[in-house]
């Protein structure tokens, strides 16, 4: 299928990586169904915005089923919605853990589940998001890293479960990118992190796009349940 013919659902499409990917694929001629927690978002041709909290099961069911019904199918899903938290474990309240698990883990699971149901007859591609915080075990990001590690384990098992339907599910794990997720992190902390990476620079939206393009292309037909870490991290 040509890229321009695809129906792509992108969560977290109001800002950061999600918005960049939504704008990119819309610009290529895809129909992009974008969602976020805001009531309204940016407007453009081929961009169908829906307000949705991905941790709300009923809202996710409505979002995904509605998109598949409206456009006749769902070809790809990019699970970009996520939140981060940087704090010492001894100073982290339970509410912070609950928030990250609800959005990063439960939200990813719900969207994957409903997307796979919509793709059951036609096949499709799902791309989830993790972080280099998982393999780098960064101090101060225990809760965030734990939530993303859960996403990675879920994706590996989920990919095996949906493989019989022609659905692949993979992960891209970016290095730090200048988005709202790291805006509150001290510059010296980010600099120290970059020095620990193999590729000693912050990540870019284009870095992420290259991997997403691969996961959505025919070249990755035999690839599922895999995580690609950016920044020379392993």
Foldseek 3Di string as FASTA:
>chain_A
DDLLDAEEEEEPCQWDLNVVVQVVSVVVNYQYEYEEQDCDHDDDPSYHYDYAQLLDLVRLLCSLVVSCVVSVAHAEYEYPDFAFFFAAPVPDDVVVLVVRLSRLPSSVVSNLVNNLVRLQQPEHEYEYEAALCQQVVDGRRPSRNVSRVNVLVVFLVVQVVSVVSNYAYEYEHAYADPTPRCPPPDPVSSQVVLVPFPQNDHDDSVVVVVVVVCRRDPVCSVDHSYYDYPRNHD
